[in-house]
Amino acid sequence: MEGKQKPIFNKRIFWDVNFEKMDYDLRANFVIERVFERGDVEDIRNCRRYYGDEKVTQALLNAKFLPEHRIHLASAVIDKPLSEFRCYILRQSNPELFPY
């Protein structure tokens, strides 16, 4: 990804980190998970454009947590069944940990 222009995301997605100094490549999984958790359609498009679908797919399938409605969105975007998402499997095996 050398030389690629940084993706532009809404700063509200990264309200709790130093947005300007974040290393998009070193923290790729964090960025992808956060964009899918809190971003809008344009943020998700920019994320997929920057990282590519293979990297996005791997990050989402291995994420420890995504809100339930966002797991469904991620499933539709990357065209993978819910049963392949680590966070979905964890939620099924520990339902009391996720009371919503």
PDB file of N, CA and C in Angstrom:
ATOM      1  N   MET A   1       0.813  -1.193   0.000  1.00  0.00           N
ATOM      2  CA  MET A   1       0.000   0.000   0.000  1.00  0.00           C
ATOM      3  C   MET A   1       0.856   1.256   0.000  1.00  0.00           C
ATOM      4  N   GLU A   2       2.118   1.082  -0.258  1.00  0.00           N
ATOM      5  CA  GLU A   2       3.024   2.218  -0.317  1.00  0.00           C
ATOM      6  C   GLU A   2       2.539   3.211  -1.364  1.00  0.00           C
ATOM      7  N   GLY A   3       2.564   4.481  -0.988  1.00  0.00           N
ATOM      8  CA  GLY A   3       2.219   5.518  -1.926  1.00  0.00           C
ATOM      9  C   GLY A   3       0.725   5.733  -2.110  1.00  0.00           C
ATOM     10  N   LYS A   4      -0.095   4.867  -1.536  1.00  0.00           N
ATOM     11  CA  LYS A   4      -1.532   5.062  -1.656  1.00  0.00           C
ATOM     12  C   LYS A   4      -1.972   6.207  -0.767  1.00  0.00           C
ATOM     13  N   GLN A   5      -2.899   6.981  -1.277  1.00  0.00           N
ATOM     14  CA  GLN A   5      -3.425   8.096  -0.498  1.00  0.00           C
ATOM     15  C   GLN A   5      -4.297   7.563   0.631  1.00  0.00           C
ATOM     16  N   LYS A   6      -4.133   8.160   1.812  1.00  0.00           N
ATOM     17  CA  LYS A   6      -4.936   7.740   2.962  1.00  0.00           C
ATOM     18  C   LYS A   6      -6.415   7.887   2.649  1.00  0.00           C
ATOM     19  N   PRO A   7      -7.208   6.940   3.127  1.00  0.00           N
ATOM     20  CA  PRO A   7      -8.649   7.077   2.928  1.00  0.00           C
ATOM     21  C   PRO A   7      -9.187   8.216   3.784  1.00  0.00           C
ATOM     22  N   ILE A   8     -10.278   8.799   3.350  1.00  0.00           N
ATOM     23  CA  ILE A   8     -10.901   9.875   4.109  1.00  0.00           C
ATOM     24  C   ILE A   8     -12.119   9.297   4.822  1.00  0.00           C
ATOM     25  N   PHE A   9     -12.095   9.387   6.146  1.00  0.00           N
ATOM     26  CA  PHE A   9     -13.207   8.902   6.962  1.00  0.00           C
ATOM     27  C   PHE A   9     -13.747  10.047   7.806  1.00  0.00           C
ATOM     28  N   ASN A  10     -14.994   9.933   8.181  1.00  0.00           N
ATOM     29  CA  ASN A  10     -15.586  10.904   9.087  1.00  0.00           C
ATOM     30  C   ASN A  10     -14.875  10.802  10.435  1.00  0.00           C
ATOM     31  N   LYS A  11     -14.424  11.911  10.975  1.00  0.00           N
ATOM     32  CA  LYS A  11     -13.641  11.892  12.217  1.00  0.00           C
ATOM     33  C   LYS A  11     -14.424  11.358  13.408  1.00  0.00           C
ATOM     34  N   ARG A  12     -15.751  11.401  13.351  1.00  0.00           N
ATOM     35  CA  ARG A  12     -16.541  10.885  14.475  1.00  0.00           C
ATOM     36  C   ARG A  12     -16.327   9.380  14.682  1.00  0.00           C
ATOM     37  N   ILE A  13     -15.905   8.672  13.640  1.00  0.00           N
ATOM     38  CA  ILE A  13     -15.654   7.235  13.747  1.00  0.00           C
ATOM     39  C   ILE A  13     -14.493   6.980  14.702  1.00  0.00           C
ATOM     40  N   PHE A  14     -13.521   7.878  14.691  1.00  0.00           N
ATOM     41  CA  PHE A  14     -12.301   7.712  15.492  1.00  0.00           C
ATOM     42  C   PHE A  14     -12.203   8.795  16.561  1.00  0.00           C
ATOM     43  N   TRP A  15     -13.303   9.054  17.218  1.00  0.00           N
ATOM     44  CA  TRP A  15     -13.374  10.126  18.217  1.00  0.00           C
ATOM     45  C   TRP A  15     -12.417   9.915  19.378  1.00  0.00           C
ATOM     46  N   ASP A  16     -12.009   8.677  19.647  1.00  0.00           N
ATOM     47  CA  ASP A  16     -11.222   8.372  20.843  1.00  0.00           C
ATOM     48  C   ASP A  16      -9.746   8.105  20.561  1.00  0.00           C
ATOM     49  N   VAL A  17      -9.303   8.316  19.329  1.00  0.00           N
ATOM     50  CA  VAL A  17      -7.891   8.106  18.993  1.00  0.00           C
ATOM     51  C   VAL A  17      -7.347   9.344  18.285  1.00  0.00           C
ATOM     52  N   ASN A  18      -6.031   9.459  18.224  1.00  0.00           N
ATOM     53  CA  ASN A  18      -5.418  10.577  17.516  1.00  0.00           C
ATOM     54  C   ASN A  18      -5.536  10.313  16.015  1.00  0.00           C
ATOM     55  N   PHE A  19      -6.581  10.849  15.453  1.00  0.00           N
ATOM     56  CA  PHE A  19      -6.961  10.620  14.062  1.00  0.00           C
ATOM     57  C   PHE A  19      -5.841  10.983  13.090  1.00  0.00           C
ATOM     58  N   GLU A  20      -5.174  12.108  13.337  1.00  0.00           N
ATOM     59  CA  GLU A  20      -4.167  12.610  12.394  1.00  0.00           C
ATOM     60  C   GLU A  20      -2.904  11.750  12.368  1.00  0.00           C
ATOM     61  N   LYS A  21      -2.583  11.092  13.479  1.00  0.00           N
ATOM     62  CA  LYS A  21      -1.328  10.336  13.563  1.00  0.00           C
ATOM     63  C   LYS A  21      -1.524   8.829  13.423  1.00  0.00           C
ATOM     64  N   MET A  22      -2.745   8.394  13.165  1.00  0.00           N
ATOM     65  CA  MET A  22      -3.014   6.966  13.099  1.00  0.00           C
ATOM     66  C   MET A  22      -2.333   6.338  11.880  1.00  0.00           C
ATOM     67  N   ASP A  23      -1.710   5.185  12.089  1.00  0.00           N
ATOM     68  CA  ASP A  23      -1.065   4.451  11.006  1.00  0.00           C
ATOM     69  C   ASP A  23      -2.105   3.506  10.397  1.00  0.00           C
ATOM     70  N   TYR A  24      -2.620   3.864   9.248  1.00  0.00           N
ATOM     71  CA  TYR A  24      -3.705   3.107   8.610  1.00  0.00           C
ATOM     72  C   TYR A  24      -3.301   1.689   8.226  1.00  0.00           C
ATOM     73  N   ASP A  25      -2.020   1.482   7.955  1.00  0.00           N
ATOM     74  CA  ASP A  25      -1.572   0.157   7.554  1.00  0.00           C
ATOM     75  C   ASP A  25      -1.261  -0.715   8.764  1.00  0.00           C
ATOM     76  N   LEU A  26      -0.570  -0.152   9.739  1.00  0.00           N
ATOM     77  CA  LEU A  26      -0.234  -0.900  10.951  1.00  0.00           C
ATOM     78  C   LEU A  26      -1.493  -1.279  11.734  1.00  0.00           C
ATOM     79  N   ARG A  27      -2.470  -0.403  11.743  1.00  0.00           N
ATOM     80  CA  ARG A  27      -3.706  -0.611  12.510  1.00  0.00           C
ATOM     81  C   ARG A  27      -4.889  -0.972  11.607  1.00  0.00           C
ATOM     82  N   ALA A  28      -4.617  -1.642  10.505  1.00  0.00           N
ATOM     83  CA  ALA A  28      -5.636  -1.926   9.488  1.00  0.00           C
ATOM     84  C   ALA A  28      -6.874  -2.612  10.062  1.00  0.00           C
ATOM     85  N   ASN A  29      -6.705  -3.660  10.861  1.00  0.00           N
ATOM     86  CA  ASN A  29      -7.870  -4.371  11.399  1.00  0.00           C
ATOM     87  C   ASN A  29      -8.717  -3.465  12.276  1.00  0.00           C
ATOM     88  N   PHE A  30      -8.062  -2.664  13.114  1.00  0.00           N
ATOM     89  CA  PHE A  30      -8.785  -1.718  13.958  1.00  0.00           C
ATOM     90  C   PHE A  30      -9.587  -0.733  13.102  1.00  0.00           C
ATOM     91  N   VAL A  31      -8.937  -0.178  12.086  1.00  0.00           N
ATOM     92  CA  VAL A  31      -9.595   0.804  11.218  1.00  0.00           C
ATOM     93  C   VAL A  31     -10.803   0.175  10.515  1.00  0.00           C
ATOM     94  N   ILE A  32     -10.614  -1.007   9.959  1.00  0.00           N
ATOM     95  CA  ILE A  32     -11.695  -1.675   9.228  1.00  0.00           C
ATOM     96  C   ILE A  32     -12.869  -1.973  10.158  1.00  0.00           C
ATOM     97  N   GLU A  33     -12.583  -2.532  11.334  1.00  0.00           N
ATOM     98  CA  GLU A  33     -13.654  -2.834  12.290  1.00  0.00           C
ATOM     99  C   GLU A  33     -14.391  -1.569  12.706  1.00  0.00           C
ATOM    100  N   ARG A  34     -13.647  -0.508  12.978  1.00  0.00           N
ATOM    101  CA  ARG A  34     -14.265   0.740  13.436  1.00  0.00           C
ATOM    102  C   ARG A  34     -15.122   1.359  12.340  1.00  0.00           C
ATOM    103  N   VAL A  35     -14.639   1.312  11.105  1.00  0.00           N
ATOM    104  CA  VAL A  35     -15.415   1.871   9.991  1.00  0.00           C
ATOM    105  C   VAL A  35     -16.727   1.096   9.823  1.00  0.00           C
ATOM    106  N   PHE A  36     -16.666  -0.222   9.905  1.00  0.00           N
ATOM    107  CA  PHE A  36     -17.893  -1.010   9.762  1.00  0.00           C
ATOM    108  C   PHE A  36     -18.807  -0.870  10.973  1.00  0.00           C
ATOM    109  N   GLU A  37     -18.231  -0.567  12.131  1.00  0.00           N
ATOM    110  CA  GLU A  37     -19.040  -0.390  13.337  1.00  0.00           C
ATOM    111  C   GLU A  37     -19.757   0.956  13.339  1.00  0.00           C
ATOM    112  N   ARG A  38     -19.079   2.017  12.895  1.00  0.00           N
ATOM    113  CA  ARG A  38     -19.627   3.365  13.059  1.00  0.00           C
ATOM    114  C   ARG A  38     -19.747   4.191  11.785  1.00  0.00           C
ATOM    115  N   GLY A  39     -19.204   3.691  10.681  1.00  0.00           N
ATOM    116  CA  GLY A  39     -19.169   4.497   9.471  1.00  0.00           C
ATOM    117  C   GLY A  39     -20.453   4.443   8.661  1.00  0.00           C
ATOM    118  N   ASP A  40     -20.542   5.352   7.717  1.00  0.00           N
ATOM    119  CA  ASP A  40     -21.683   5.342   6.804  1.00  0.00           C
ATOM    120  C   ASP A  40     -21.248   4.687   5.489  1.00  0.00           C
ATOM    121  N   VAL A  41     -22.130   4.699   4.513  1.00  0.00           N
ATOM    122  CA  VAL A  41     -21.865   4.021   3.240  1.00  0.00           C
ATOM    123  C   VAL A  41     -20.578   4.540   2.586  1.00  0.00           C
ATOM    124  N   GLU A  42     -20.386   5.828   2.589  1.00  0.00           N
ATOM    125  CA  GLU A  42     -19.197   6.405   1.950  1.00  0.00           C
ATOM    126  C   GLU A  42     -17.918   5.987   2.678  1.00  0.00           C
ATOM    127  N   ASP A  43     -17.956   5.944   4.010  1.00  0.00           N
ATOM    128  CA  ASP A  43     -16.799   5.498   4.784  1.00  0.00           C
ATOM    129  C   ASP A  43     -16.450   4.048   4.426  1.00  0.00           C
ATOM    130  N   ILE A  44     -17.473   3.207   4.316  1.00  0.00           N
ATOM    131  CA  ILE A  44     -17.260   1.801   3.983  1.00  0.00           C
ATOM    132  C   ILE A  44     -16.680   1.661   2.577  1.00  0.00           C
ATOM    133  N   ARG A  45     -17.179   2.455   1.648  1.00  0.00           N
ATOM    134  CA  ARG A  45     -16.625   2.439   0.279  1.00  0.00           C
ATOM    135  C   ARG A  45     -15.149   2.824   0.287  1.00  0.00           C
ATOM    136  N   ASN A  46     -14.816   3.900   1.014  1.00  0.00           N
ATOM    137  CA  ASN A  46     -13.421   4.343   1.085  1.00  0.00           C
ATOM    138  C   ASN A  46     -12.533   3.283   1.723  1.00  0.00           C
ATOM    139  N   CYS A  47     -13.053   2.605   2.723  1.00  0.00           N
ATOM    140  CA  CYS A  47     -12.320   1.541   3.403  1.00  0.00           C
ATOM    141  C   CYS A  47     -12.030   0.392   2.438  1.00  0.00           C
ATOM    142  N   ARG A  48     -13.033  -0.043   1.708  1.00  0.00           N
ATOM    143  CA  ARG A  48     -12.859  -1.147   0.751  1.00  0.00           C
ATOM    144  C   ARG A  48     -11.906  -0.742  -0.377  1.00  0.00           C
ATOM    145  N   ARG A  49     -12.008   0.501  -0.817  1.00  0.00           N
ATOM    146  CA  ARG A  49     -11.141   0.995  -1.892  1.00  0.00           C
ATOM    147  C   ARG A  49      -9.677   0.999  -1.429  1.00  0.00           C
ATOM    148  N   TYR A  50      -9.440   1.404  -0.192  1.00  0.00           N
ATOM    149  CA  TYR A  50      -8.072   1.510   0.317  1.00  0.00           C
ATOM    150  C   TYR A  50      -7.465   0.139   0.630  1.00  0.00           C
ATOM    151  N   TYR A  51      -8.204  -0.681   1.354  1.00  0.00           N
ATOM    152  CA  TYR A  51      -7.648  -1.954   1.820  1.00  0.00           C
ATOM    153  C   TYR A  51      -7.877  -3.124   0.861  1.00  0.00           C
ATOM    154  N   GLY A  52      -8.881  -3.031   0.022  1.00  0.00           N
ATOM    155  CA  GLY A  52      -9.212  -4.146  -0.864  1.00  0.00           C
ATOM    156  C   GLY A  52     -10.123  -5.131  -0.151  1.00  0.00           C
ATOM    157  N   ASP A  53     -10.943  -5.812  -0.924  1.00  0.00           N
ATOM    158  CA  ASP A  53     -11.952  -6.692  -0.333  1.00  0.00           C
ATOM    159  C   ASP A  53     -11.367  -7.869   0.436  1.00  0.00           C
ATOM    160  N   GLU A  54     -10.221  -8.374   0.013  1.00  0.00           N
ATOM    161  CA  GLU A  54      -9.648  -9.533   0.715  1.00  0.00           C
ATOM    162  C   GLU A  54      -9.252  -9.168   2.149  1.00  0.00           C
ATOM    163  N   LYS A  55      -8.569  -8.041   2.310  1.00  0.00           N
ATOM    164  CA  LYS A  55      -8.140  -7.604   3.646  1.00  0.00           C
ATOM    165  C   LYS A  55      -9.349  -7.229   4.504  1.00  0.00           C
ATOM    166  N   VAL A  56     -10.323  -6.552   3.916  1.00  0.00           N
ATOM    167  CA  VAL A  56     -11.550  -6.174   4.635  1.00  0.00           C
ATOM    168  C   VAL A  56     -12.273  -7.433   5.094  1.00  0.00           C
ATOM    169  N   THR A  57     -12.401  -8.403   4.210  1.00  0.00           N
ATOM    170  CA  THR A  57     -13.091  -9.653   4.544  1.00  0.00           C
ATOM    171  C   THR A  57     -12.418 -10.348   5.715  1.00  0.00           C
ATOM    172  N   GLN A  58     -11.099 -10.485   5.677  1.00  0.00           N
ATOM    173  CA  GLN A  58     -10.377 -11.157   6.758  1.00  0.00           C
ATOM    174  C   GLN A  58     -10.540 -10.420   8.083  1.00  0.00           C
ATOM    175  N   ALA A  59     -10.443  -9.102   8.048  1.00  0.00           N
ATOM    176  CA  ALA A  59     -10.581  -8.315   9.282  1.00  0.00           C
ATOM    177  C   ALA A  59     -11.979  -8.483   9.880  1.00  0.00           C
ATOM    178  N   LEU A  60     -12.997  -8.461   9.040  1.00  0.00           N
ATOM    179  CA  LEU A  60     -14.370  -8.565   9.544  1.00  0.00           C
ATOM    180  C   LEU A  60     -14.684  -9.974  10.048  1.00  0.00           C
ATOM    181  N   LEU A  61     -14.226 -10.983   9.326  1.00  0.00           N
ATOM    182  CA  LEU A  61     -14.494 -12.356   9.761  1.00  0.00           C
ATOM    183  C   LEU A  61     -13.816 -12.666  11.088  1.00  0.00           C
ATOM    184  N   ASN A  62     -12.684 -12.012  11.366  1.00  0.00           N
ATOM    185  CA  ASN A  62     -11.930 -12.282  12.594  1.00  0.00           C
ATOM    186  C   ASN A  62     -12.189 -11.285  13.718  1.00  0.00           C
ATOM    187  N   ALA A  63     -13.036 -10.302  13.484  1.00  0.00           N
ATOM    188  CA  ALA A  63     -13.323  -9.295  14.513  1.00  0.00           C
ATOM    189  C   ALA A  63     -13.945  -9.951  15.743  1.00  0.00           C
ATOM    190  N   LYS A  64     -13.514  -9.506  16.920  1.00  0.00           N
ATOM    191  CA  LYS A  64     -14.074 -10.046  18.161  1.00  0.00           C
ATOM    192  C   LYS A  64     -15.449  -9.462  18.457  1.00  0.00           C
ATOM    193  N   PHE A  65     -15.705  -8.252  17.956  1.00  0.00           N
ATOM    194  CA  PHE A  65     -17.000  -7.633  18.230  1.00  0.00           C
ATOM    195  C   PHE A  65     -17.431  -6.722  17.089  1.00  0.00           C
ATOM    196  N   LEU A  66     -18.680  -6.821  16.732  1.00  0.00           N
ATOM    197  CA  LEU A  66     -19.387  -5.842  15.902  1.00  0.00           C
ATOM    198  C   LEU A  66     -20.818  -5.819  16.435  1.00  0.00           C
ATOM    199  N   PRO A  67     -21.462  -4.651  16.460  1.00  0.00           N
ATOM    200  CA  PRO A  67     -22.872  -4.628  16.868  1.00  0.00           C
ATOM    201  C   PRO A  67     -23.691  -5.529  15.941  1.00  0.00           C
ATOM    202  N   GLU A  68     -24.753  -6.101  16.467  1.00  0.00           N
ATOM    203  CA  GLU A  68     -25.504  -7.100  15.701  1.00  0.00           C
ATOM    204  C   GLU A  68     -25.951  -6.589  14.340  1.00  0.00           C
ATOM    205  N   HIS A  69     -26.510  -5.375  14.286  1.00  0.00           N
ATOM    206  CA  HIS A  69     -26.977  -4.861  12.992  1.00  0.00           C
ATOM    207  C   HIS A  69     -25.821  -4.650  12.021  1.00  0.00           C
ATOM    208  N   ARG A  70     -24.624  -4.399  12.550  1.00  0.00           N
ATOM    209  CA  ARG A  70     -23.469  -4.203  11.677  1.00  0.00           C
ATOM    210  C   ARG A  70     -22.882  -5.528  11.200  1.00  0.00           C
ATOM    211  N   ILE A  71     -23.086  -6.604  11.952  1.00  0.00           N
ATOM    212  CA  ILE A  71     -22.669  -7.922  11.459  1.00  0.00           C
ATOM    213  C   ILE A  71     -23.477  -8.252  10.205  1.00  0.00           C
ATOM    214  N   HIS A  72     -24.767  -7.949  10.237  1.00  0.00           N
ATOM    215  CA  HIS A  72     -25.626  -8.210   9.080  1.00  0.00           C
ATOM    216  C   HIS A  72     -25.191  -7.362   7.887  1.00  0.00           C
ATOM    217  N   LEU A  73     -24.846  -6.103   8.135  1.00  0.00           N
ATOM    218  CA  LEU A  73     -24.358  -5.227   7.069  1.00  0.00           C
ATOM    219  C   LEU A  73     -23.050  -5.785   6.489  1.00  0.00           C
ATOM    220  N   ALA A  74     -22.119  -6.139   7.362  1.00  0.00           N
ATOM    221  CA  ALA A  74     -20.830  -6.678   6.910  1.00  0.00           C
ATOM    222  C   ALA A  74     -21.036  -7.955   6.103  1.00  0.00           C
ATOM    223  N   SER A  75     -21.945  -8.804   6.561  1.00  0.00           N
ATOM    224  CA  SER A  75     -22.251 -10.044   5.863  1.00  0.00           C
ATOM    225  C   SER A  75     -22.719  -9.762   4.435  1.00  0.00           C
ATOM    226  N   ALA A  76     -23.565  -8.762   4.289  1.00  0.00           N
ATOM    227  CA  ALA A  76     -24.073  -8.398   2.960  1.00  0.00           C
ATOM    228  C   ALA A  76     -22.975  -7.784   2.096  1.00  0.00           C
ATOM    229  N   VAL A  77     -22.153  -6.928   2.691  1.00  0.00           N
ATOM    230  CA  VAL A  77     -21.105  -6.240   1.932  1.00  0.00           C
ATOM    231  C   VAL A  77     -20.051  -7.216   1.415  1.00  0.00           C
ATOM    232  N   ILE A  78     -19.608  -8.138   2.268  1.00  0.00           N
ATOM    233  CA  ILE A  78     -18.535  -9.053   1.841  1.00  0.00           C
ATOM    234  C   ILE A  78     -19.069 -10.391   1.343  1.00  0.00           C
ATOM    235  N   ASP A  79     -20.389 -10.536   1.350  1.00  0.00           N
ATOM    236  CA  ASP A  79     -21.050 -11.725   0.813  1.00  0.00           C
ATOM    237  C   ASP A  79     -20.572 -13.016   1.495  1.00  0.00           C
ATOM    238  N   LYS A  80     -20.581 -12.990   2.837  1.00  0.00           N
ATOM    239  CA  LYS A  80     -20.233 -14.168   3.632  1.00  0.00           C
ATOM    240  C   LYS A  80     -21.362 -14.425   4.626  1.00  0.00           C
ATOM    241  N   PRO A  81     -21.665 -15.692   4.900  1.00  0.00           N
ATOM    242  CA  PRO A  81     -22.733 -15.996   5.858  1.00  0.00           C
ATOM    243  C   PRO A  81     -22.340 -15.609   7.279  1.00  0.00           C
ATOM    244  N   LEU A  82     -23.334 -15.275   8.092  1.00  0.00           N
ATOM    245  CA  LEU A  82     -23.092 -14.898   9.481  1.00  0.00           C
ATOM    246  C   LEU A  82     -22.280 -15.953  10.222  1.00  0.00           C
ATOM    247  N   SER A  83     -22.493 -17.213   9.890  1.00  0.00           N
ATOM    248  CA  SER A  83     -21.829 -18.310  10.586  1.00  0.00           C
ATOM    249  C   SER A  83     -20.304 -18.302  10.417  1.00  0.00           C
ATOM    250  N   GLU A  84     -19.788 -17.482   9.496  1.00  0.00           N
ATOM    251  CA  GLU A  84     -18.338 -17.398   9.310  1.00  0.00           C
ATOM    252  C   GLU A  84     -17.705 -16.265  10.118  1.00  0.00           C
ATOM    253  N   PHE A  85     -18.529 -15.447  10.761  1.00  0.00           N
ATOM    254  CA  PHE A  85     -18.029 -14.311  11.534  1.00  0.00           C
ATOM    255  C   PHE A  85     -17.700 -14.740  12.957  1.00  0.00           C
ATOM    256  N   ARG A  86     -16.465 -14.510  13.354  1.00  0.00           N
ATOM    257  CA  ARG A  86     -16.040 -14.851  14.719  1.00  0.00           C
ATOM    258  C   ARG A  86     -16.936 -14.181  15.761  1.00  0.00           C
ATOM    259  N   CYS A  87     -17.261 -12.904  15.564  1.00  0.00           N
ATOM    260  CA  CYS A  87     -18.076 -12.202  16.554  1.00  0.00           C
ATOM    261  C   CYS A  87     -19.493 -12.768  16.622  1.00  0.00           C
ATOM    262  N   TYR A  88     -20.008 -13.269  15.526  1.00  0.00           N
ATOM    263  CA  TYR A  88     -21.340 -13.892  15.526  1.00  0.00           C
ATOM    264  C   TYR A  88     -21.296 -15.224  16.279  1.00  0.00           C
ATOM    265  N   ILE A  89     -20.254 -16.007  16.030  1.00  0.00           N
ATOM    266  CA  ILE A  89     -20.092 -17.298  16.717  1.00  0.00           C
ATOM    267  C   ILE A  89     -19.933 -17.071  18.223  1.00  0.00           C
ATOM    268  N   LEU A  90     -19.120 -16.083  18.608  1.00  0.00           N
ATOM    269  CA  LEU A  90     -18.933 -15.770  20.029  1.00  0.00           C
ATOM    270  C   LEU A  90     -20.254 -15.356  20.672  1.00  0.00           C
ATOM    271  N   ARG A  91     -21.033 -14.575  19.961  1.00  0.00           N
ATOM    272  CA  ARG A  91     -22.320 -14.120  20.490  1.00  0.00           C
ATOM    273  C   ARG A  91     -23.269 -15.300  20.686  1.00  0.00           C
ATOM    274  N   GLN A  92     -23.250 -16.252  19.772  1.00  0.00           N
ATOM    275  CA  GLN A  92     -24.132 -17.418  19.886  1.00  0.00           C
ATOM    276  C   GLN A  92     -23.742 -18.299  21.070  1.00  0.00           C
ATOM    277  N   SER A  93     -22.447 -18.407  21.329  1.00  0.00           N
ATOM    278  CA  SER A  93     -22.000 -19.289  22.404  1.00  0.00           C
ATOM    279  C   SER A  93     -22.048 -18.620  23.774  1.00  0.00           C
ATOM    280  N   ASN A  94     -22.175 -17.293  23.825  1.00  0.00           N
ATOM    281  CA  ASN A  94     -22.255 -16.549  25.088  1.00  0.00           C
ATOM    282  C   ASN A  94     -23.363 -15.504  25.037  1.00  0.00           C
ATOM    283  N   PRO A  95     -24.592 -15.899  24.847  1.00  0.00           N
ATOM    284  CA  PRO A  95     -25.653 -14.892  24.660  1.00  0.00           C
ATOM    285  C   PRO A  95     -25.860 -13.964  25.850  1.00  0.00           C
ATOM    286  N   GLU A  96     -25.546 -14.419  27.054  1.00  0.00           N
ATOM    287  CA  GLU A  96     -25.759 -13.567  28.214  1.00  0.00           C
ATOM    288  C   GLU A  96     -24.785 -12.391  28.259  1.00  0.00           C
ATOM    289  N   LEU A  97     -23.684 -12.470  27.526  1.00  0.00           N
ATOM    290  CA  LEU A  97     -22.734 -11.360  27.492  1.00  0.00           C
ATOM    291  C   LEU A  97     -23.213 -10.204  26.619  1.00  0.00           C
ATOM    292  N   PHE A  98     -24.211 -10.478  25.796  1.00  0.00           N
ATOM    293  CA  PHE A  98     -24.699  -9.457  24.862  1.00  0.00           C
ATOM    294  C   PHE A  98     -26.197  -9.285  25.055  1.00  0.00           C
ATOM    295  N   PRO A  99     -26.607  -8.553  26.090  1.00  0.00           N
ATOM    296  CA  PRO A  99     -28.033  -8.480  26.441  1.00  0.00           C
ATOM    297  C   PRO A  99     -28.882  -7.665  25.465  1.00  0.00           C
ATOM    298  N   TYR A 100     -28.289  -7.036  24.496  1.00  0.00           N
ATOM    299  CA  TYR A 100     -29.070  -6.253  23.555  1.00  0.00           C
ATOM    300  C   TYR A 100     -29.295  -7.100  22.365  1.00  0.00           C
TER     301      TYR A 100
END
